[in-house]
């Protein structure tokens, strides 16, 4: 299953690595999505959206 890297104890999230260093951490949200744009084999841009649920009645 590809290369395995031991990153130690890290929190949940998406870690963007460039040049061997973590350059960005996308932390989980309750609801939403992140769109990653690539350019020349590297992450170029991240678009984040966030949802908020309103008026939901739990049964």
N, C-alpha and C. Protein backbone atom coordinates (compact mmCIF):
# COMPACT_ATOMS: atom_id res chain seq x y z
N UNK A 1 0.83 -1.20 0.00
CA UNK A 1 0.00 0.00 0.00
C UNK A 1 0.87 1.25 0.00
N UNK A 2 1.82 1.36 -0.87
CA UNK A 2 2.64 2.56 -0.98
C UNK A 2 3.62 2.70 0.16
N UNK A 3 4.16 3.87 0.29
CA UNK A 3 5.12 4.16 1.34
C UNK A 3 4.42 4.44 2.66
N UNK A 4 5.03 4.02 3.75
CA UNK A 4 4.50 4.28 5.07
C UNK A 4 5.44 5.22 5.80
N UNK A 5 4.88 6.28 6.38
CA UNK A 5 5.67 7.26 7.11
C UNK A 5 5.11 7.36 8.52
N UNK A 6 5.98 7.26 9.52
CA UNK A 6 5.55 7.41 10.91
C UNK A 6 5.61 8.89 11.27
N UNK A 7 4.47 9.49 11.45
CA UNK A 7 4.40 10.92 11.77
C UNK A 7 4.22 11.17 13.26
N UNK A 8 4.33 10.13 14.04
CA UNK A 8 4.16 10.31 15.48
C UNK A 8 2.70 10.47 15.82
N UNK A 9 2.44 11.15 16.90
CA UNK A 9 1.07 11.35 17.36
C UNK A 9 0.56 12.67 16.79
N UNK A 10 -0.36 12.56 15.84
CA UNK A 10 -0.96 13.74 15.21
C UNK A 10 -2.45 13.70 15.41
N UNK A 11 -3.08 14.86 15.46
CA UNK A 11 -4.53 14.93 15.56
C UNK A 11 -5.15 14.56 14.22
N UNK A 12 -6.46 14.30 14.23
CA UNK A 12 -7.18 14.03 12.99
C UNK A 12 -7.12 15.26 12.09
N UNK A 13 -7.06 15.04 10.80
CA UNK A 13 -7.05 16.13 9.85
C UNK A 13 -6.34 15.73 8.57
N UNK A 14 -6.22 16.66 7.68
CA UNK A 14 -5.50 16.47 6.43
C UNK A 14 -4.25 17.33 6.49
N UNK A 15 -3.11 16.71 6.31
CA UNK A 15 -1.84 17.41 6.39
C UNK A 15 -1.27 17.55 4.98
N UNK A 16 -1.02 18.78 4.55
CA UNK A 16 -0.44 19.03 3.24
C UNK A 16 1.06 19.19 3.43
N UNK A 17 1.81 18.32 2.73
CA UNK A 17 3.26 18.30 2.86
C UNK A 17 3.87 18.74 1.53
N UNK A 18 4.77 19.70 1.60
CA UNK A 18 5.51 20.14 0.42
C UNK A 18 6.98 20.25 0.81
N UNK A 19 7.85 19.68 0.01
CA UNK A 19 9.28 19.73 0.30
C UNK A 19 9.64 19.05 1.60
N UNK A 20 8.86 18.03 2.01
CA UNK A 20 9.16 17.29 3.22
C UNK A 20 8.68 17.94 4.51
N UNK A 21 7.99 19.08 4.42
CA UNK A 21 7.50 19.77 5.62
C UNK A 21 5.99 19.97 5.53
N UNK A 22 5.33 19.88 6.68
CA UNK A 22 3.89 20.15 6.73
C UNK A 22 3.70 21.65 6.56
N UNK A 23 2.97 22.04 5.51
CA UNK A 23 2.77 23.47 5.24
C UNK A 23 1.35 23.93 5.57
N UNK A 24 0.43 22.97 5.74
CA UNK A 24 -0.96 23.34 6.03
C UNK A 24 -1.64 22.16 6.70
N UNK A 25 -2.50 22.45 7.66
CA UNK A 25 -3.30 21.42 8.32
C UNK A 25 -4.76 21.81 8.17
N UNK A 26 -5.55 20.92 7.56
CA UNK A 26 -6.99 21.14 7.44
C UNK A 26 -7.66 20.33 8.55
N UNK A 27 -8.21 21.04 9.52
CA UNK A 27 -8.83 20.37 10.66
C UNK A 27 -10.26 19.99 10.33
N UNK A 28 -10.74 18.87 10.89
CA UNK A 28 -12.10 18.44 10.63
C UNK A 28 -13.13 19.43 11.17
N UNK A 29 -14.22 19.54 10.44
CA UNK A 29 -15.35 20.37 10.86
C UNK A 29 -16.53 19.44 11.14
N UNK A 30 -17.54 19.94 11.80
CA UNK A 30 -18.72 19.11 12.05
C UNK A 30 -19.38 18.74 10.73
N UNK A 31 -19.55 19.69 9.84
CA UNK A 31 -20.10 19.47 8.50
C UNK A 31 -19.34 20.35 7.53
N UNK A 32 -19.23 19.94 6.29
CA UNK A 32 -18.59 20.76 5.27
C UNK A 32 -17.72 19.93 4.35
N UNK A 33 -17.00 20.61 3.50
CA UNK A 33 -16.09 19.92 2.59
C UNK A 33 -14.95 20.86 2.22
N UNK A 34 -13.83 20.26 1.86
CA UNK A 34 -12.67 21.00 1.39
C UNK A 34 -12.36 20.53 -0.02
N UNK A 35 -12.08 21.46 -0.91
CA UNK A 35 -11.74 21.16 -2.29
C UNK A 35 -10.28 21.55 -2.51
N UNK A 36 -9.46 20.60 -2.91
CA UNK A 36 -8.04 20.84 -3.09
C UNK A 36 -7.75 21.01 -4.58
N UNK A 37 -7.10 22.10 -4.95
CA UNK A 37 -6.70 22.37 -6.33
C UNK A 37 -5.20 22.09 -6.46
N UNK A 38 -4.84 21.35 -7.49
CA UNK A 38 -3.45 20.99 -7.74
C UNK A 38 -2.92 21.79 -8.92
N UNK A 39 -1.64 22.12 -8.88
CA UNK A 39 -0.98 22.77 -10.01
C UNK A 39 0.46 22.27 -10.06
N UNK A 40 0.83 21.70 -11.18
CA UNK A 40 2.18 21.15 -11.38
C UNK A 40 2.58 20.16 -10.29
N UNK A 41 1.62 19.32 -9.89
CA UNK A 41 1.90 18.26 -8.92
C UNK A 41 1.95 18.68 -7.46
N UNK A 42 1.60 19.92 -7.17
CA UNK A 42 1.59 20.40 -5.79
C UNK A 42 0.24 21.03 -5.47
N UNK A 43 -0.10 21.02 -4.18
CA UNK A 43 -1.33 21.68 -3.77
C UNK A 43 -1.16 23.18 -3.99
N UNK A 44 -2.09 23.76 -4.74
CA UNK A 44 -2.03 25.17 -5.09
C UNK A 44 -2.99 25.99 -4.25
N UNK A 45 -4.18 25.43 -4.02
CA UNK A 45 -5.23 26.20 -3.35
C UNK A 45 -6.21 25.24 -2.68
N UNK A 46 -6.75 25.66 -1.55
CA UNK A 46 -7.76 24.89 -0.84
C UNK A 46 -8.98 25.79 -0.64
N UNK A 47 -10.13 25.31 -1.10
CA UNK A 47 -11.39 26.02 -0.89
C UNK A 47 -12.16 25.27 0.19
N UNK A 48 -12.52 25.98 1.25
CA UNK A 48 -13.22 25.35 2.36
C UNK A 48 -14.67 25.85 2.40
N UNK A 49 -15.58 24.91 2.61
CA UNK A 49 -16.97 25.31 2.83
C UNK A 49 -17.39 24.74 4.18
N UNK A 50 -18.30 25.42 4.80
CA UNK A 50 -18.75 25.00 6.13
C UNK A 50 -20.27 25.03 6.14
N UNK A 51 -20.86 23.98 6.67
CA UNK A 51 -22.32 23.91 6.78
C UNK A 51 -22.71 24.08 8.24
N UNK A 52 -23.89 24.63 8.42
CA UNK A 52 -24.45 24.74 9.75
C UNK A 52 -25.90 24.32 9.67
N UNK A 53 -26.24 23.29 10.40
CA UNK A 53 -27.61 22.79 10.39
C UNK A 53 -28.45 23.59 11.39
N UNK A 54 -29.60 24.05 10.92
CA UNK A 54 -30.50 24.83 11.79
C UNK A 54 -31.88 24.20 11.75
N UNK A 55 -32.60 24.37 12.81
CA UNK A 55 -33.98 23.92 12.87
C UNK A 55 -34.16 22.41 12.84
N UNK A 56 -33.14 21.67 13.20
CA UNK A 56 -33.25 20.22 13.20
C UNK A 56 -33.75 19.77 14.56
N UNK A 57 -34.83 19.00 14.55
CA UNK A 57 -35.40 18.49 15.80
C UNK A 57 -34.96 17.05 15.96
N UNK A 58 -34.26 16.76 17.06
CA UNK A 58 -33.83 15.39 17.33
C UNK A 58 -34.97 14.62 17.95
N UNK A 59 -35.14 13.38 17.48
CA UNK A 59 -36.22 12.53 18.00
C UNK A 59 -35.68 11.48 18.91
